[in-house]
Amino acid sequence: MDPQGTLIGLIATDGIGEEIYATAADVFPICRSITGDGVRRTLQRIAAHIPLDILEVPTGTKVFDWVVPREWNIRDAYIRDQRGKKIVDFSSSNLHVVSYSIPVRQACIAGGAQKPPPYIAGTGRPNPISNFVLR
């Protein structure tokens, strides 16, 4: 089979591992869910390397047994302790926020909160968000 016109034929294979790694490192910090600006930014960056046809599907469109949800975009999120120090900060890890969370502006008492486990369950790998302590 002639690779011309196929994805493999369009990508130069010399240094492809480094290029893939660099692209992954470039898009990794972008916060993205299944919709929104993060998905658009990610696809635009990938499209700089391979041909993509990017289509937008409006909110509410039925796709098989699913309905396209509203877009979810986030600008900032954090939790401050009683001294005003940020102890959980979206800008340091987008794992600190669950997709489709709703905005909250209120004081909370963390008496019953628990520190996240130091390792990711079942992997033995360190948990990147376990480095904070709730007091």
C-alpha atoms as a PDB file:
ATOM      1  CA  MET A   1       0.000   0.000   0.000  1.00  0.00           C
ATOM      2  CA  ASP A   2       1.278   3.425  -0.939  1.00  0.00           C
ATOM      3  CA  PRO A   3       1.704   5.560   2.212  1.00  0.00           C
ATOM      4  CA  GLN A   4       1.140   8.757   0.206  1.00  0.00           C
ATOM      5  CA  GLY A   5      -2.054  10.403   1.365  1.00  0.00           C
ATOM      6  CA  THR A   6      -2.168   8.421   4.605  1.00  0.00           C
ATOM      7  CA  LEU A   7      -1.376   9.984   7.948  1.00  0.00           C
ATOM      8  CA  ILE A   8       1.923   8.081   8.160  1.00  0.00           C
ATOM      9  CA  GLY A   9       2.841   9.323   4.694  1.00  0.00           C
ATOM     10  CA  LEU A  10       2.197  12.928   5.761  1.00  0.00           C
ATOM     11  CA  ILE A  11       4.476  12.806   8.813  1.00  0.00           C
ATOM     12  CA  ALA A  12       8.245  12.821   8.489  1.00  0.00           C
ATOM     13  CA  THR A  13       9.475   9.913  10.611  1.00  0.00           C
ATOM     14  CA  ASP A  14      12.909  11.325  11.503  1.00  0.00           C
ATOM     15  CA  GLY A  15      12.665  12.666  15.039  1.00  0.00           C
ATOM     16  CA  ILE A  16       8.968  11.805  15.275  1.00  0.00           C
ATOM     17  CA  GLY A  17       9.311  10.654  18.899  1.00  0.00           C
ATOM     18  CA  GLU A  18      10.757  13.992  19.955  1.00  0.00           C
ATOM     19  CA  GLU A  19       8.083  15.888  18.006  1.00  0.00           C
ATOM     20  CA  ILE A  20       5.264  13.846  19.559  1.00  0.00           C
ATOM     21  CA  TYR A  21       6.740  14.335  23.026  1.00  0.00           C
ATOM     22  CA  ALA A  22       7.120  18.092  22.475  1.00  0.00           C
ATOM     23  CA  THR A  23       3.528  18.341  21.233  1.00  0.00           C
ATOM     24  CA  ALA A  24       2.244  16.356  24.223  1.00  0.00           C
ATOM     25  CA  ALA A  25       4.235  18.601  26.580  1.00  0.00           C
ATOM     26  CA  ASP A  26       2.756  21.650  24.814  1.00  0.00           C
ATOM     27  CA  VAL A  27      -0.882  20.561  25.138  1.00  0.00           C
ATOM     28  CA  PHE A  28      -0.659  18.833  28.545  1.00  0.00           C
ATOM     29  CA  PRO A  29      -1.128  21.986  30.660  1.00  0.00           C
ATOM     30  CA  ILE A  30      -4.236  23.047  28.720  1.00  0.00           C
ATOM     31  CA  CYS A  31      -7.313  22.434  30.824  1.00  0.00           C
ATOM     32  CA  ARG A  32      -9.885  20.707  28.677  1.00  0.00           C
ATOM     33  CA  SER A  33     -13.090  18.837  29.176  1.00  0.00           C
ATOM     34  CA  ILE A  34     -15.280  17.412  26.433  1.00  0.00           C
ATOM     35  CA  THR A  35     -16.257  20.910  25.274  1.00  0.00           C
ATOM     36  CA  GLY A  36     -14.893  24.432  25.468  1.00  0.00           C
ATOM     37  CA  ASP A  37     -11.925  26.633  24.791  1.00  0.00           C
ATOM     38  CA  GLY A  38      -9.363  24.101  26.048  1.00  0.00           C
ATOM     39  CA  VAL A  39     -10.480  21.548  23.450  1.00  0.00           C
ATOM     40  CA  ARG A  40     -10.276  24.194  20.715  1.00  0.00           C
ATOM     41  CA  ARG A  41      -6.772  25.281  21.759  1.00  0.00           C
ATOM     42  CA  THR A  42      -5.601  21.658  21.918  1.00  0.00           C
ATOM     43  CA  LEU A  43      -6.982  20.795  18.475  1.00  0.00           C
ATOM     44  CA  GLN A  44      -5.474  23.982  16.958  1.00  0.00           C
ATOM     45  CA  ARG A  45      -2.041  23.028  18.281  1.00  0.00           C
ATOM     46  CA  ILE A  46      -2.354  19.469  17.008  1.00  0.00           C
ATOM     47  CA  ALA A  47      -3.543  20.802  13.628  1.00  0.00           C
ATOM     48  CA  ALA A  48      -0.204  22.585  13.304  1.00  0.00           C
ATOM     49  CA  HIS A  49       1.351  19.111  12.914  1.00  0.00           C
ATOM     50  CA  ILE A  50      -1.254  17.057  11.064  1.00  0.00           C
ATOM     51  CA  PRO A  51      -4.223  17.915   8.867  1.00  0.00           C
ATOM     52  CA  LEU A  52      -7.448  18.081  10.874  1.00  0.00           C
ATOM     53  CA  ASP A  53     -10.974  19.013   9.960  1.00  0.00           C
ATOM     54  CA  ILE A  54     -12.356  20.598  13.124  1.00  0.00           C
ATOM     55  CA  LEU A  55     -16.130  20.715  13.333  1.00  0.00           C
ATOM     56  CA  GLU A  56     -18.202  22.350  16.061  1.00  0.00           C
ATOM     57  CA  VAL A  57     -21.448  20.761  17.183  1.00  0.00           C
ATOM     58  CA  PRO A  58     -23.949  23.030  18.962  1.00  0.00           C
ATOM     59  CA  THR A  59     -24.998  22.477  22.564  1.00  0.00           C
ATOM     60  CA  GLY A  60     -28.166  20.411  22.756  1.00  0.00           C
ATOM     61  CA  THR A  61     -27.472  18.414  19.587  1.00  0.00           C
ATOM     62  CA  LYS A  62     -28.481  14.764  19.984  1.00  0.00           C
ATOM     63  CA  VAL A  63     -25.692  12.356  19.002  1.00  0.00           C
ATOM     64  CA  PHE A  64     -26.853   8.729  19.204  1.00  0.00           C
ATOM     65  CA  ASP A  65     -27.990   8.330  22.836  1.00  0.00           C
ATOM     66  CA  TRP A  66     -26.133  11.434  24.063  1.00  0.00           C
ATOM     67  CA  VAL A  67     -26.817  15.181  23.982  1.00  0.00           C
ATOM     68  CA  VAL A  68     -23.927  17.629  23.522  1.00  0.00           C
ATOM     69  CA  PRO A  69     -23.602  19.506  26.841  1.00  0.00           C
ATOM     70  CA  ARG A  70     -23.086  23.219  27.448  1.00  0.00           C
ATOM     71  CA  GLU A  71     -19.515  24.417  27.229  1.00  0.00           C
ATOM     72  CA  TRP A  72     -17.521  24.494  30.441  1.00  0.00           C
ATOM     73  CA  ASN A  73     -14.642  26.960  30.635  1.00  0.00           C
ATOM     74  CA  ILE A  74     -12.639  27.880  33.731  1.00  0.00           C
ATOM     75  CA  ARG A  75     -10.449  30.899  34.384  1.00  0.00           C
ATOM     76  CA  ASP A  76      -9.322  30.361  37.986  1.00  0.00           C
ATOM     77  CA  ALA A  77     -10.057  28.373  41.130  1.00  0.00           C
ATOM     78  CA  TYR A  78      -8.429  28.118  44.523  1.00  0.00           C
ATOM     79  CA  ILE A  79      -8.956  27.524  48.229  1.00  0.00           C
ATOM     80  CA  ARG A  80      -7.285  29.828  50.751  1.00  0.00           C
ATOM     81  CA  ASP A  81      -6.539  28.967  54.346  1.00  0.00           C
ATOM     82  CA  GLN A  82      -7.426  31.285  57.230  1.00  0.00           C
ATOM     83  CA  ARG A  83      -4.171  33.240  56.650  1.00  0.00           C
ATOM     84  CA  GLY A  84      -5.046  33.856  52.986  1.00  0.00           C
ATOM     85  CA  LYS A  85      -2.464  31.424  51.584  1.00  0.00           C
ATOM     86  CA  LYS A  86      -3.645  29.416  48.573  1.00  0.00           C
ATOM     87  CA  ILE A  87      -3.538  25.759  49.589  1.00  0.00           C
ATOM     88  CA  VAL A  88      -5.309  24.396  46.506  1.00  0.00           C
ATOM     89  CA  ASP A  89      -4.688  26.248  43.253  1.00  0.00           C
ATOM     90  CA  PHE A  90      -6.002  25.456  39.777  1.00  0.00           C
ATOM     91  CA  SER A  91      -3.082  27.354  38.230  1.00  0.00           C
ATOM     92  CA  SER A  92      -0.633  24.823  39.721  1.00  0.00           C
ATOM     93  CA  SER A  93      -2.658  21.736  38.740  1.00  0.00           C
ATOM     94  CA  ASN A  94      -5.889  21.459  36.787  1.00  0.00           C
ATOM     95  CA  LEU A  95      -6.491  18.247  38.770  1.00  0.00           C
ATOM     96  CA  HIS A  96      -7.597  20.506  41.627  1.00  0.00           C
ATOM     97  CA  VAL A  97     -10.961  21.115  39.921  1.00  0.00           C
ATOM     98  CA  VAL A  98     -13.589  18.659  38.746  1.00  0.00           C
ATOM     99  CA  SER A  99     -14.938  19.392  35.251  1.00  0.00           C
ATOM    100  CA  TYR A 100     -18.314  21.096  35.190  1.00  0.00           C
ATOM    101  CA  SER A 101     -17.907  22.336  38.785  1.00  0.00           C
ATOM    102  CA  ILE A 102     -20.037  25.340  39.631  1.00  0.00           C
ATOM    103  CA  PRO A 103     -18.605  28.575  41.074  1.00  0.00           C
ATOM    104  CA  VAL A 104     -18.529  28.803  44.886  1.00  0.00           C
ATOM    105  CA  ARG A 105     -17.699  31.872  46.965  1.00  0.00           C
ATOM    106  CA  GLN A 106     -17.988  31.043  50.629  1.00  0.00           C
ATOM    107  CA  ALA A 107     -16.040  30.332  53.777  1.00  0.00           C
ATOM    108  CA  CYS A 108     -15.776  26.655  54.676  1.00  0.00           C
ATOM    109  CA  ILE A 109     -14.640  24.906  57.815  1.00  0.00           C
ATOM    110  CA  ALA A 110     -12.311  22.064  56.917  1.00  0.00           C
ATOM    111  CA  GLY A 111     -12.568  20.156  60.193  1.00  0.00           C
ATOM    112  CA  GLY A 112     -13.794  16.961  58.557  1.00  0.00           C
ATOM    113  CA  ALA A 113     -11.631  17.147  55.449  1.00  0.00           C
ATOM    114  CA  GLN A 114      -8.938  14.574  54.859  1.00  0.00           C
ATOM    115  CA  LYS A 115      -5.582  14.888  53.177  1.00  0.00           C
ATOM    116  CA  PRO A 116      -5.450  13.140  49.765  1.00  0.00           C
ATOM    117  CA  PRO A 117      -3.549   9.827  49.726  1.00  0.00           C
ATOM    118  CA  PRO A 118       0.187  10.152  48.976  1.00  0.00           C
ATOM    119  CA  TYR A 119      -0.022   7.609  46.141  1.00  0.00           C
ATOM    120  CA  ILE A 120      -2.426   7.128  43.224  1.00  0.00           C
ATOM    121  CA  ALA A 121      -4.549   4.098  44.085  1.00  0.00           C
ATOM    122  CA  GLY A 122      -3.324   0.867  42.528  1.00  0.00           C
ATOM    123  CA  THR A 123      -0.293   2.413  40.797  1.00  0.00           C
ATOM    124  CA  GLY A 124       2.285   3.069  43.482  1.00  0.00           C
ATOM    125  CA  ARG A 125       2.959   6.413  41.779  1.00  0.00           C
ATOM    126  CA  PRO A 126       3.061   9.603  43.880  1.00  0.00           C
ATOM    127  CA  ASN A 127      -0.172  11.621  43.941  1.00  0.00           C
ATOM    128  CA  PRO A 128       0.701  15.086  42.552  1.00  0.00           C
ATOM    129  CA  ILE A 129      -2.041  16.790  44.560  1.00  0.00           C
ATOM    130  CA  SER A 130      -1.234  15.277  47.973  1.00  0.00           C
ATOM    131  CA  ASN A 131       1.217  17.996  48.970  1.00  0.00           C
ATOM    132  CA  PHE A 132      -1.225  20.196  50.856  1.00  0.00           C
ATOM    133  CA  VAL A 133      -2.579  19.979  54.360  1.00  0.00           C
ATOM    134  CA  LEU A 134      -6.000  21.159  55.446  1.00  0.00           C
ATOM    135  CA  ARG A 135      -5.926  22.686  58.925  1.00  0.00           C
END
